[in-house]
Amino acid sequence: MGNRLKDAFFDPANHSIHWVHTAAEIVEAVEVTLSMIAASGTATGPIAIRVGHFLHMLESMGPDAGPLYGVLWPAAIGVVAMIGEFVAIGMGYYEAAEIIAEQASVRGYSYGVVMGAMREQASMTKSFIMQHAPRNDFFPAGGKVEQDHFNAALLRGYAEGRELSSDQTAVLWDELIRAGGTIFTPDGKPDRNFYIDAAARFRSLHIL
């Protein structure tokens, strides 16, 4: 996934964004971010804890957070195959890990984008962090794959959403509303269900 969302063509006349990627391309981008989170000395502890730390950093830095964006997705880095290790124990496990990584990355990225675009507080975004690996009796390591990919994708999406200008954000929300009508906000303030609905619409329009 070579281009960030802010670099897409935003078409205000047609209320649309010309930006579409496959789930595999989202995973590729997320795994670069995941590897940099793991290697960064800025935060320590499990990936979930580090992601929460970076979310607060992004909130405090504002949209022009160039130095941190450089940590999350450097300009030149080889593709990091985080799930490649499962090839050694059988293609069935690798394929399962691939599917889990794609589904988790797409969900996490979508949630992050819509919350970042709304300049949502890091505390709300942190509430979406997957704190524990889901149990997977068929493929025990799959829970960790899901957890880490979802959390890294949430962070990346949040950062990319915060990069959008006010005009770009207006086009994004016009597009999402056209896709399914006004999104309900209790008391006029977005809540968790608002972001779940908005993220589902973003996925349906922009991720294959």
N, C-alpha and C. Protein backbone atom coordinates (compact mmCIF):
# COMPACT_ATOMS: atom_id res chain seq x y z
N MET A 1 0.86 -1.19 0.00
CA MET A 1 0.00 0.00 0.00
C MET A 1 0.89 1.23 0.00
N GLY A 2 1.22 1.71 -1.19
CA GLY A 2 2.21 2.74 -1.30
C GLY A 2 1.76 4.12 -0.87
N ASN A 3 0.48 4.47 -1.04
CA ASN A 3 0.06 5.83 -0.73
C ASN A 3 -0.86 5.88 0.47
N ARG A 4 -0.62 6.89 1.32
CA ARG A 4 -1.47 7.09 2.47
C ARG A 4 -2.77 7.73 2.01
N LEU A 5 -3.76 7.67 2.88
CA LEU A 5 -5.09 8.14 2.51
C LEU A 5 -5.08 9.62 2.11
N LYS A 6 -4.29 10.42 2.79
CA LYS A 6 -4.25 11.86 2.49
C LYS A 6 -3.76 12.15 1.07
N ASP A 7 -3.05 11.21 0.46
CA ASP A 7 -2.50 11.41 -0.89
C ASP A 7 -3.47 10.97 -1.98
N ALA A 8 -4.64 10.48 -1.59
CA ALA A 8 -5.64 10.06 -2.57
C ALA A 8 -6.28 11.28 -3.22
N PHE A 9 -7.03 11.05 -4.31
CA PHE A 9 -7.77 12.13 -4.95
C PHE A 9 -9.14 12.25 -4.28
N PHE A 10 -9.37 13.36 -3.60
CA PHE A 10 -10.65 13.64 -2.95
C PHE A 10 -11.49 14.47 -3.91
N ASP A 11 -12.65 13.95 -4.27
CA ASP A 11 -13.51 14.57 -5.28
C ASP A 11 -14.76 15.17 -4.60
N PRO A 12 -14.70 16.44 -4.22
CA PRO A 12 -15.86 17.03 -3.51
C PRO A 12 -17.11 17.12 -4.38
N ALA A 13 -16.94 17.25 -5.69
CA ALA A 13 -18.11 17.36 -6.57
C ALA A 13 -18.95 16.09 -6.54
N ASN A 14 -18.26 14.94 -6.46
CA ASN A 14 -18.97 13.66 -6.44
C ASN A 14 -18.98 13.00 -5.07
N HIS A 15 -18.51 13.75 -4.07
CA HIS A 15 -18.51 13.23 -2.69
C HIS A 15 -17.84 11.86 -2.61
N SER A 16 -16.68 11.74 -3.20
CA SER A 16 -16.01 10.44 -3.23
C SER A 16 -14.50 10.58 -3.11
N ILE A 17 -13.88 9.48 -2.70
CA ILE A 17 -12.42 9.42 -2.56
C ILE A 17 -11.93 8.31 -3.48
N HIS A 18 -10.99 8.63 -4.33
CA HIS A 18 -10.45 7.64 -5.27
C HIS A 18 -9.26 6.94 -4.62
N TRP A 19 -9.56 5.95 -3.82
CA TRP A 19 -8.55 5.23 -3.04
C TRP A 19 -9.12 3.86 -2.72
N VAL A 20 -8.57 2.83 -3.33
CA VAL A 20 -9.04 1.46 -3.09
C VAL A 20 -7.82 0.55 -2.97
N HIS A 21 -7.84 -0.31 -1.95
CA HIS A 21 -6.75 -1.27 -1.77
C HIS A 21 -7.33 -2.64 -1.40
N THR A 22 -6.55 -3.65 -1.64
CA THR A 22 -6.93 -5.00 -1.24
C THR A 22 -6.57 -5.21 0.23
N ALA A 23 -7.18 -6.23 0.82
CA ALA A 23 -6.85 -6.57 2.20
C ALA A 23 -5.38 -6.93 2.33
N ALA A 24 -4.82 -7.62 1.33
CA ALA A 24 -3.41 -8.00 1.36
C ALA A 24 -2.51 -6.77 1.38
N GLU A 25 -2.89 -5.73 0.66
CA GLU A 25 -2.09 -4.50 0.65
C GLU A 25 -2.17 -3.79 2.00
N ILE A 26 -3.33 -3.86 2.63
CA ILE A 26 -3.45 -3.28 3.97
C ILE A 26 -2.53 -4.02 4.94
N VAL A 27 -2.51 -5.35 4.85
CA VAL A 27 -1.64 -6.15 5.71
C VAL A 27 -0.18 -5.77 5.50
N GLU A 28 0.22 -5.61 4.26
CA GLU A 28 1.61 -5.25 3.96
C GLU A 28 1.99 -3.96 4.67
N ALA A 29 1.12 -2.96 4.60
CA ALA A 29 1.39 -1.68 5.27
C ALA A 29 1.39 -1.84 6.78
N VAL A 30 0.43 -2.60 7.29
CA VAL A 30 0.32 -2.80 8.74
C VAL A 30 1.53 -3.52 9.28
N GLU A 31 2.07 -4.47 8.55
CA GLU A 31 3.22 -5.22 9.04
C GLU A 31 4.48 -4.37 9.08
N VAL A 32 4.58 -3.39 8.20
CA VAL A 32 5.69 -2.44 8.31
C VAL A 32 5.54 -1.64 9.60
N THR A 33 4.33 -1.15 9.86
CA THR A 33 4.07 -0.42 11.08
C THR A 33 4.30 -1.29 12.31
N LEU A 34 3.83 -2.53 12.25
CA LEU A 34 3.99 -3.45 13.38
C LEU A 34 5.45 -3.70 13.69
N SER A 35 6.26 -3.90 12.67
CA SER A 35 7.67 -4.16 12.89
C SER A 35 8.37 -2.95 13.50
N MET A 36 7.96 -1.75 13.08
CA MET A 36 8.57 -0.54 13.62
C MET A 36 8.13 -0.29 15.06
N ILE A 37 6.87 -0.62 15.38
CA ILE A 37 6.42 -0.50 16.77
C ILE A 37 7.25 -1.43 17.66
N ALA A 38 7.45 -2.64 17.18
CA ALA A 38 8.20 -3.63 17.97
C ALA A 38 9.65 -3.21 18.16
N ALA A 39 10.22 -2.54 17.15
CA ALA A 39 11.63 -2.17 17.21
C ALA A 39 11.88 -0.82 17.86
N SER A 40 10.83 -0.01 18.01
CA SER A 40 11.00 1.34 18.51
C SER A 40 11.38 1.35 19.99
N GLY A 41 12.29 2.24 20.33
CA GLY A 41 12.65 2.42 21.73
C GLY A 41 11.80 3.47 22.42
N THR A 42 10.84 4.05 21.68
CA THR A 42 9.99 5.11 22.23
C THR A 42 9.03 4.57 23.28
N ALA A 43 8.59 3.33 23.10
CA ALA A 43 7.67 2.72 24.04
C ALA A 43 8.09 1.28 24.28
N THR A 44 7.76 0.77 25.45
CA THR A 44 8.13 -0.60 25.80
C THR A 44 6.90 -1.39 26.21
N GLY A 45 7.08 -2.71 26.33
CA GLY A 45 5.99 -3.56 26.74
C GLY A 45 5.34 -4.24 25.55
N PRO A 46 4.24 -4.96 25.79
CA PRO A 46 3.52 -5.65 24.71
C PRO A 46 3.05 -4.66 23.64
N ILE A 47 2.78 -5.19 22.45
CA ILE A 47 2.33 -4.34 21.33
C ILE A 47 1.11 -3.52 21.72
N ALA A 48 0.16 -4.12 22.43
CA ALA A 48 -1.06 -3.40 22.82
C ALA A 48 -0.73 -2.17 23.66
N ILE A 49 0.23 -2.29 24.58
CA ILE A 49 0.62 -1.17 25.43
C ILE A 49 1.32 -0.10 24.61
N ARG A 50 2.19 -0.53 23.70
CA ARG A 50 2.91 0.43 22.86
C ARG A 50 1.95 1.21 21.95
N VAL A 51 0.98 0.51 21.42
CA VAL A 51 0.00 1.18 20.55
C VAL A 51 -0.73 2.28 21.33
N GLY A 52 -1.13 1.98 22.55
CA GLY A 52 -1.79 2.99 23.38
C GLY A 52 -0.90 4.20 23.61
N HIS A 53 0.38 3.96 23.83
CA HIS A 53 1.34 5.05 24.03
C HIS A 53 1.43 5.92 22.78
N PHE A 54 1.54 5.30 21.61
CA PHE A 54 1.64 6.06 20.36
C PHE A 54 0.36 6.82 20.05
N LEU A 55 -0.80 6.27 20.41
CA LEU A 55 -2.06 6.99 20.19
C LEU A 55 -2.06 8.31 20.95
N HIS A 56 -1.60 8.28 22.20
CA HIS A 56 -1.55 9.51 22.98
C HIS A 56 -0.53 10.49 22.40
N MET A 57 0.58 9.97 21.89
CA MET A 57 1.57 10.85 21.25
C MET A 57 0.97 11.55 20.04
N LEU A 58 0.23 10.80 19.22
CA LEU A 58 -0.39 11.39 18.04
C LEU A 58 -1.39 12.48 18.43
N GLU A 59 -2.17 12.20 19.46
CA GLU A 59 -3.17 13.18 19.90
C GLU A 59 -2.49 14.49 20.33
N SER A 60 -1.37 14.39 21.02
CA SER A 60 -0.70 15.58 21.52
C SER A 60 0.06 16.33 20.42
N MET A 61 0.48 15.62 19.36
CA MET A 61 1.28 16.24 18.31
C MET A 61 0.44 16.95 17.27
N GLY A 62 -0.82 16.58 17.11
CA GLY A 62 -1.64 17.18 16.09
C GLY A 62 -1.39 16.54 14.74
N PRO A 63 -2.00 17.10 13.67
CA PRO A 63 -1.89 16.47 12.35
C PRO A 63 -0.50 16.51 11.76
N ASP A 64 0.34 17.49 12.17
CA ASP A 64 1.68 17.59 11.60
C ASP A 64 2.68 16.85 12.49
N ALA A 65 2.54 15.54 12.53
CA ALA A 65 3.37 14.72 13.40
C ALA A 65 4.39 13.95 12.59
N GLY A 66 5.12 14.68 11.74
CA GLY A 66 6.08 14.06 10.84
C GLY A 66 7.05 13.08 11.47
N PRO A 67 7.71 13.47 12.59
CA PRO A 67 8.69 12.54 13.18
C PRO A 67 8.08 11.20 13.59
N LEU A 68 6.89 11.22 14.15
CA LEU A 68 6.28 9.96 14.56
C LEU A 68 5.81 9.17 13.36
N TYR A 69 5.29 9.84 12.34
CA TYR A 69 4.89 9.13 11.13
C TYR A 69 6.10 8.43 10.52
N GLY A 70 7.28 9.04 10.63
CA GLY A 70 8.49 8.41 10.12
C GLY A 70 8.81 7.12 10.84
N VAL A 71 8.45 7.04 12.11
CA VAL A 71 8.65 5.80 12.86
C VAL A 71 7.65 4.74 12.41
N LEU A 72 6.40 5.16 12.16
CA LEU A 72 5.35 4.20 11.86
C LEU A 72 5.43 3.65 10.44
N TRP A 73 5.90 4.46 9.50
CA TRP A 73 6.06 3.96 8.13
C TRP A 73 7.20 4.71 7.44
N PRO A 74 8.44 4.23 7.63
CA PRO A 74 9.58 4.87 7.00
C PRO A 74 9.45 4.84 5.47
N ALA A 75 10.15 5.75 4.82
CA ALA A 75 10.03 5.88 3.38
C ALA A 75 10.50 4.65 2.64
N ALA A 76 11.51 3.98 3.14
CA ALA A 76 12.04 2.81 2.43
C ALA A 76 12.33 1.69 3.42
N ILE A 77 11.62 0.61 3.27
CA ILE A 77 11.84 -0.56 4.13
C ILE A 77 11.32 -1.78 3.39
N GLY A 78 11.99 -2.88 3.53
CA GLY A 78 11.52 -4.09 2.89
C GLY A 78 10.23 -4.58 3.52
N VAL A 79 9.46 -5.32 2.76
CA VAL A 79 8.21 -5.87 3.29
C VAL A 79 8.55 -6.88 4.38
N VAL A 80 7.90 -6.74 5.51
CA VAL A 80 8.17 -7.61 6.65
C VAL A 80 7.09 -8.68 6.72
N ALA A 81 7.44 -9.91 6.47
CA ALA A 81 6.46 -10.99 6.46
C ALA A 81 6.30 -11.55 7.87
N MET A 82 5.48 -10.91 8.68
CA MET A 82 5.34 -11.31 10.08
C MET A 82 4.72 -12.69 10.23
N ILE A 83 3.94 -13.12 9.22
CA ILE A 83 3.29 -14.42 9.34
C ILE A 83 4.05 -15.50 8.57
N GLY A 84 5.17 -15.12 7.96
CA GLY A 84 5.92 -16.08 7.18
C GLY A 84 6.45 -17.25 7.98
N GLU A 85 6.64 -17.08 9.28
CA GLU A 85 7.16 -18.15 10.13
C GLU A 85 6.25 -19.38 10.14
N PHE A 86 5.00 -19.20 9.82
CA PHE A 86 4.06 -20.32 9.89
C PHE A 86 4.20 -21.27 8.70
N VAL A 87 4.92 -20.85 7.69
CA VAL A 87 5.16 -21.75 6.55
C VAL A 87 5.88 -23.00 7.03
N ALA A 88 6.79 -22.82 7.99
CA ALA A 88 7.60 -23.94 8.47
C ALA A 88 6.77 -25.05 9.12
N ILE A 89 5.62 -24.71 9.65
CA ILE A 89 4.81 -25.74 10.31
C ILE A 89 3.65 -26.19 9.45
N GLY A 90 3.61 -25.72 8.20
CA GLY A 90 2.58 -26.22 7.29
C GLY A 90 1.82 -25.10 6.60
N MET A 91 1.53 -25.32 5.32
CA MET A 91 0.84 -24.30 4.55
C MET A 91 -0.55 -24.00 5.10
N GLY A 92 -1.19 -25.00 5.71
CA GLY A 92 -2.52 -24.78 6.28
C GLY A 92 -2.48 -23.71 7.36
N TYR A 93 -1.45 -23.75 8.20
CA TYR A 93 -1.32 -22.75 9.25
C TYR A 93 -0.97 -21.39 8.66
N TYR A 94 -0.11 -21.38 7.65
CA TYR A 94 0.24 -20.11 7.01
C TYR A 94 -1.00 -19.47 6.39
N GLU A 95 -1.79 -20.27 5.69
CA GLU A 95 -3.00 -19.73 5.06
C GLU A 95 -3.99 -19.22 6.10
N ALA A 96 -4.08 -19.95 7.23
CA ALA A 96 -4.97 -19.50 8.30
C ALA A 96 -4.47 -18.18 8.88
N ALA A 97 -3.15 -18.08 9.08
CA ALA A 97 -2.57 -16.84 9.61
C ALA A 97 -2.79 -15.68 8.65
N GLU A 98 -2.70 -15.96 7.36
CA GLU A 98 -2.89 -14.94 6.34
C GLU A 98 -4.31 -14.39 6.38
N ILE A 99 -5.28 -15.27 6.49
CA ILE A 99 -6.69 -14.85 6.55
C ILE A 99 -6.96 -14.04 7.82
N ILE A 100 -6.43 -14.52 8.94
CA ILE A 100 -6.62 -13.81 10.22
C ILE A 100 -6.00 -12.43 10.15
N ALA A 101 -4.78 -12.35 9.60
CA ALA A 101 -4.09 -11.06 9.51
C ALA A 101 -4.86 -10.08 8.63
N GLU A 102 -5.39 -10.58 7.52
CA GLU A 102 -6.15 -9.70 6.62
C GLU A 102 -7.40 -9.17 7.30
N GLN A 103 -8.17 -10.05 7.91
CA GLN A 103 -9.41 -9.63 8.55
C GLN A 103 -9.16 -8.65 9.69
N ALA A 104 -8.15 -8.94 10.50
CA ALA A 104 -7.84 -8.07 11.64
C ALA A 104 -7.30 -6.72 11.19
N SER A 105 -6.45 -6.72 10.18
CA SER A 105 -5.86 -5.47 9.69
C SER A 105 -6.91 -4.56 9.07
N VAL A 106 -7.80 -5.14 8.29
CA VAL A 106 -8.85 -4.35 7.65
C VAL A 106 -9.77 -3.72 8.70
N ARG A 107 -10.15 -4.50 9.70
CA ARG A 107 -11.01 -3.96 10.77
C ARG A 107 -10.31 -2.85 11.53
N GLY A 108 -9.10 -3.14 11.98
CA GLY A 108 -8.38 -2.17 12.79
C GLY A 108 -8.10 -0.87 12.04
N TYR A 109 -7.67 -1.00 10.79
CA TYR A 109 -7.37 0.18 9.98
C TYR A 109 -8.62 1.04 9.77
N SER A 110 -9.73 0.40 9.48
CA SER A 110 -10.98 1.13 9.24
C SER A 110 -11.44 1.89 10.48
N TYR A 111 -11.39 1.22 11.63
CA TYR A 111 -11.75 1.90 12.87
C TYR A 111 -10.84 3.11 13.09
N GLY A 112 -9.55 2.89 12.89
CA GLY A 112 -8.59 3.96 13.13
C GLY A 112 -8.81 5.16 12.23
N VAL A 113 -9.07 4.92 10.95
CA VAL A 113 -9.25 6.01 10.00
C VAL A 113 -10.42 6.90 10.41
N VAL A 114 -11.56 6.32 10.71
CA VAL A 114 -12.73 7.16 11.01
C VAL A 114 -12.57 7.90 12.33
N MET A 115 -11.91 7.27 13.30
CA MET A 115 -11.69 7.98 14.57
C MET A 115 -10.64 9.06 14.41
N GLY A 116 -9.60 8.79 13.62
CA GLY A 116 -8.59 9.81 13.38
C GLY A 116 -9.16 10.99 12.63
N ALA A 117 -9.99 10.72 11.63
CA ALA A 117 -10.58 11.80 10.85
C ALA A 117 -11.46 12.71 11.71
N MET A 118 -12.08 12.12 12.73
CA MET A 118 -12.92 12.91 13.64
C MET A 118 -12.11 13.56 14.75
N ARG A 119 -10.78 13.40 14.71
CA ARG A 119 -9.90 13.89 15.78
C ARG A 119 -10.39 13.39 17.14
N GLU A 120 -10.81 12.13 17.14
CA GLU A 120 -11.30 11.53 18.38
C GLU A 120 -10.18 11.45 19.40
N GLN A 121 -10.54 11.58 20.66
CA GLN A 121 -9.55 11.49 21.72
C GLN A 121 -8.91 10.11 21.74
N ALA A 122 -7.64 10.09 22.11
CA ALA A 122 -6.92 8.81 22.18
C ALA A 122 -7.59 7.85 23.15
N SER A 123 -8.23 8.37 24.19
CA SER A 123 -8.86 7.50 25.17
C SER A 123 -9.98 6.67 24.54
N MET A 124 -10.74 7.26 23.63
CA MET A 124 -11.78 6.51 22.93
C MET A 124 -11.14 5.48 22.00
N THR A 125 -10.12 5.90 21.24
CA THR A 125 -9.47 4.98 20.32
C THR A 125 -8.82 3.82 21.08
N LYS A 126 -8.26 4.11 22.23
CA LYS A 126 -7.64 3.04 23.04
C LYS A 126 -8.66 2.00 23.48
N SER A 127 -9.93 2.42 23.61
CA SER A 127 -10.95 1.46 24.05
C SER A 127 -11.18 0.36 23.00
N PHE A 128 -10.70 0.59 21.76
CA PHE A 128 -10.82 -0.41 20.71
C PHE A 128 -9.62 -1.36 20.69
N ILE A 129 -8.57 -1.04 21.42
CA ILE A 129 -7.38 -1.89 21.42
C ILE A 129 -7.74 -3.28 21.91
N MET A 130 -7.24 -4.28 21.21
CA MET A 130 -7.44 -5.67 21.61
C MET A 130 -6.39 -6.00 22.68
N GLN A 131 -6.82 -6.00 23.93
CA GLN A 131 -5.88 -6.15 25.04
C GLN A 131 -5.39 -7.59 25.21
N HIS A 132 -6.20 -8.54 24.78
CA HIS A 132 -5.84 -9.96 24.95
C HIS A 132 -6.03 -10.69 23.63
N ALA A 133 -5.18 -11.66 23.40
CA ALA A 133 -5.28 -12.46 22.18
C ALA A 133 -6.51 -13.35 22.26
N PRO A 134 -7.38 -13.33 21.25
CA PRO A 134 -8.57 -14.20 21.26
C PRO A 134 -8.15 -15.68 21.28
N ARG A 135 -8.95 -16.49 21.91
CA ARG A 135 -8.66 -17.92 21.96
C ARG A 135 -8.97 -18.56 20.60
N ASN A 136 -8.05 -19.38 20.16
CA ASN A 136 -8.23 -20.08 18.89
C ASN A 136 -7.74 -21.52 19.09
N ASP A 137 -8.66 -22.43 19.37
CA ASP A 137 -8.29 -23.81 19.68
C ASP A 137 -7.69 -24.54 18.47
N PHE A 138 -8.15 -24.19 17.28
CA PHE A 138 -7.63 -24.84 16.07
C PHE A 138 -6.21 -24.38 15.77
N PHE A 139 -5.94 -23.10 16.01
CA PHE A 139 -4.66 -22.51 15.67
C PHE A 139 -4.29 -21.52 16.78
N PRO A 140 -3.71 -22.01 17.89
CA PRO A 140 -3.46 -21.17 19.07
C PRO A 140 -2.68 -19.88 18.76
N ALA A 141 -1.70 -19.96 17.85
CA ALA A 141 -0.92 -18.76 17.53
C ALA A 141 -1.74 -17.73 16.78
N GLY A 142 -2.87 -18.15 16.24
CA GLY A 142 -3.71 -17.24 15.46
C GLY A 142 -4.25 -16.09 16.29
N GLY A 143 -4.47 -16.32 17.57
CA GLY A 143 -4.96 -15.25 18.44
C GLY A 143 -3.98 -14.10 18.53
N LYS A 144 -2.70 -14.44 18.63
CA LYS A 144 -1.66 -13.40 18.70
C LYS A 144 -1.54 -12.67 17.37
N VAL A 145 -1.66 -13.41 16.27
CA VAL A 145 -1.64 -12.78 14.94
C VAL A 145 -2.76 -11.75 14.85
N GLU A 146 -3.96 -12.15 15.27
CA GLU A 146 -5.11 -11.25 15.20
C GLU A 146 -4.91 -10.03 16.08
N GLN A 147 -4.48 -10.25 17.31
CA GLN A 147 -4.30 -9.15 18.25
C GLN A 147 -3.29 -8.11 17.74
N ASP A 148 -2.12 -8.57 17.34
CA ASP A 148 -1.07 -7.65 16.95
C ASP A 148 -1.39 -6.91 15.65
N HIS A 149 -1.96 -7.62 14.68
CA HIS A 149 -2.31 -6.96 13.42
C HIS A 149 -3.44 -5.95 13.63
N PHE A 150 -4.44 -6.31 14.40
CA PHE A 150 -5.54 -5.38 14.66
C PHE A 150 -5.02 -4.11 15.33
N ASN A 151 -4.21 -4.27 16.36
CA ASN A 151 -3.75 -3.11 17.11
C ASN A 151 -2.84 -2.20 16.30
N ALA A 152 -1.93 -2.80 15.53
CA ALA A 152 -1.05 -1.99 14.68
C ALA A 152 -1.86 -1.28 13.60
N ALA A 153 -2.86 -1.96 13.06
CA ALA A 153 -3.71 -1.36 12.03
C ALA A 153 -4.54 -0.22 12.61
N LEU A 154 -5.02 -0.37 13.82
CA LEU A 154 -5.78 0.69 14.50
C LEU A 154 -4.92 1.95 14.61
N LEU A 155 -3.68 1.78 15.02
CA LEU A 155 -2.76 2.91 15.16
C LEU A 155 -2.49 3.55 13.81
N ARG A 156 -2.19 2.74 12.82
CA ARG A 156 -1.88 3.30 11.50
C ARG A 156 -3.08 4.05 10.92
N GLY A 157 -4.26 3.45 11.03
CA GLY A 157 -5.46 4.11 10.53
C GLY A 157 -5.74 5.42 11.25
N TYR A 158 -5.56 5.42 12.57
CA TYR A 158 -5.78 6.63 13.37
C TYR A 158 -4.83 7.74 12.92
N ALA A 159 -3.57 7.39 12.69
CA ALA A 159 -2.60 8.38 12.24
C ALA A 159 -2.97 8.93 10.87
N GLU A 160 -3.37 8.04 9.96
CA GLU A 160 -3.71 8.48 8.61
C GLU A 160 -4.99 9.33 8.62
N GLY A 161 -5.95 8.98 9.46
CA GLY A 161 -7.16 9.79 9.56
C GLY A 161 -6.87 11.19 10.08
N ARG A 162 -5.95 11.28 11.04
CA ARG A 162 -5.61 12.59 11.61
C ARG A 162 -4.84 13.47 10.62
N GLU A 163 -4.23 12.85 9.63
CA GLU A 163 -3.51 13.63 8.61
C GLU A 163 -4.44 14.38 7.66
N LEU A 164 -5.68 13.97 7.58
CA LEU A 164 -6.60 14.57 6.60
C LEU A 164 -6.89 16.03 6.94
N SER A 165 -6.98 16.84 5.90
CA SER A 165 -7.36 18.24 6.09
C SER A 165 -8.85 18.32 6.39
N SER A 166 -9.32 19.49 6.79
CA SER A 166 -10.75 19.65 7.07
C SER A 166 -11.58 19.41 5.80
N ASP A 167 -11.07 19.86 4.65
CA ASP A 167 -11.79 19.63 3.39
C ASP A 167 -11.84 18.15 3.04
N GLN A 168 -10.73 17.45 3.24
CA GLN A 168 -10.71 16.01 2.96
C GLN A 168 -11.64 15.26 3.90
N THR A 169 -11.65 15.66 5.16
CA THR A 169 -12.53 15.01 6.13
C THR A 169 -13.99 15.21 5.75
N ALA A 170 -14.33 16.40 5.26
CA ALA A 170 -15.71 16.67 4.84
C ALA A 170 -16.12 15.76 3.69
N VAL A 171 -15.22 15.53 2.74
CA VAL A 171 -15.51 14.63 1.63
C VAL A 171 -15.70 13.20 2.15
N LEU A 172 -14.83 12.79 3.07
CA LEU A 172 -14.94 11.45 3.64
C LEU A 172 -16.31 11.23 4.27
N TRP A 173 -16.78 12.17 5.09
CA TRP A 173 -18.05 11.97 5.77
C TRP A 173 -19.23 12.09 4.81
N ASP A 174 -19.12 12.97 3.82
CA ASP A 174 -20.17 13.02 2.80
C ASP A 174 -20.31 11.66 2.11
N GLU A 175 -19.16 11.07 1.81
CA GLU A 175 -19.14 9.77 1.13
C GLU A 175 -19.76 8.69 2.01
N LEU A 176 -19.42 8.67 3.29
CA LEU A 176 -19.93 7.64 4.19
C LEU A 176 -21.43 7.80 4.40
N ILE A 177 -21.90 9.04 4.48
CA ILE A 177 -23.34 9.27 4.65
C ILE A 177 -24.11 8.85 3.40
N ARG A 178 -23.55 9.15 2.23
CA ARG A 178 -24.19 8.74 0.98
C ARG A 178 -24.26 7.21 0.87
N ALA A 179 -23.33 6.54 1.52
CA ALA A 179 -23.28 5.08 1.44
C ALA A 179 -24.34 4.40 2.30
N GLY A 180 -24.91 5.12 3.26
CA GLY A 180 -25.87 4.44 4.13
C GLY A 180 -26.74 5.35 4.97
N GLY A 181 -26.77 6.63 4.64
CA GLY A 181 -27.59 7.55 5.42
C GLY A 181 -26.85 8.10 6.63
N THR A 182 -27.50 9.00 7.31
CA THR A 182 -26.91 9.62 8.50
C THR A 182 -26.60 8.57 9.55
N ILE A 183 -25.43 8.70 10.17
CA ILE A 183 -25.03 7.76 11.22
C ILE A 183 -25.49 8.32 12.56
N PHE A 184 -26.25 7.54 13.29
CA PHE A 184 -26.85 7.99 14.55
C PHE A 184 -25.78 8.33 15.58
N THR A 185 -25.94 9.50 16.21
CA THR A 185 -25.04 9.91 17.28
C THR A 185 -25.87 10.29 18.50
N PRO A 186 -25.88 9.47 19.52
CA PRO A 186 -26.66 9.80 20.72
C PRO A 186 -26.14 11.10 21.35
N ASP A 187 -27.05 12.01 21.65
CA ASP A 187 -26.70 13.29 22.25
C ASP A 187 -25.75 14.10 21.37
N GLY A 188 -25.75 13.79 20.07
CA GLY A 188 -24.93 14.55 19.14
C GLY A 188 -23.45 14.28 19.22
N LYS A 189 -23.05 13.25 19.97
CA LYS A 189 -21.63 12.95 20.13
C LYS A 189 -21.34 11.53 19.68
N PRO A 190 -20.35 11.34 18.80
CA PRO A 190 -20.05 9.98 18.33
C PRO A 190 -19.71 9.04 19.48
N ASP A 191 -20.27 7.84 19.43
CA ASP A 191 -19.94 6.83 20.43
C ASP A 191 -19.35 5.62 19.72
N ARG A 192 -19.16 4.56 20.44
CA ARG A 192 -18.53 3.36 19.88
C ARG A 192 -19.30 2.82 18.68
N ASN A 193 -20.62 2.76 18.78
CA ASN A 193 -21.43 2.23 17.68
C ASN A 193 -21.35 3.12 16.44
N PHE A 194 -21.21 4.42 16.65
CA PHE A 194 -21.06 5.35 15.53
C PHE A 194 -19.81 4.97 14.72
N TYR A 195 -18.70 4.73 15.41
CA TYR A 195 -17.46 4.41 14.72
C TYR A 195 -17.48 3.02 14.09
N ILE A 196 -18.17 2.09 14.73
CA ILE A 196 -18.30 0.75 14.14
C ILE A 196 -19.06 0.84 12.82
N ASP A 197 -20.14 1.61 12.81
CA ASP A 197 -20.93 1.79 11.59
C ASP A 197 -20.12 2.51 10.51
N ALA A 198 -19.47 3.61 10.88
CA ALA A 198 -18.68 4.38 9.92
C ALA A 198 -17.54 3.54 9.34
N ALA A 199 -16.88 2.74 10.18
CA ALA A 199 -15.77 1.91 9.71
C ALA A 199 -16.26 0.84 8.74
N ALA A 200 -17.43 0.28 8.98
CA ALA A 200 -17.98 -0.73 8.08
C ALA A 200 -18.24 -0.12 6.71
N ARG A 201 -18.72 1.10 6.68
CA ARG A 201 -18.97 1.77 5.40
C ARG A 201 -17.65 2.06 4.68
N PHE A 202 -16.65 2.50 5.43
CA PHE A 202 -15.35 2.78 4.83
C PHE A 202 -14.77 1.51 4.20
N ARG A 203 -14.88 0.39 4.92
CA ARG A 203 -14.36 -0.89 4.38
C ARG A 203 -15.07 -1.26 3.09
N SER A 204 -16.39 -1.11 3.08
CA SER A 204 -17.14 -1.54 1.89
C SER A 204 -16.82 -0.70 0.66
N LEU A 205 -16.42 0.55 0.88
CA LEU A 205 -16.12 1.44 -0.24
C LEU A 205 -14.68 1.38 -0.70
N HIS A 206 -13.75 1.06 0.20
CA HIS A 206 -12.34 1.27 -0.11
C HIS A 206 -11.42 0.07 0.03
N ILE A 207 -11.91 -1.03 0.57
CA ILE A 207 -11.02 -2.18 0.75
C ILE A 207 -11.66 -3.41 0.12
N LEU A 208 -10.94 -4.02 -0.78
CA LEU A 208 -11.45 -5.18 -1.52
C LEU A 208 -11.19 -6.47 -0.75
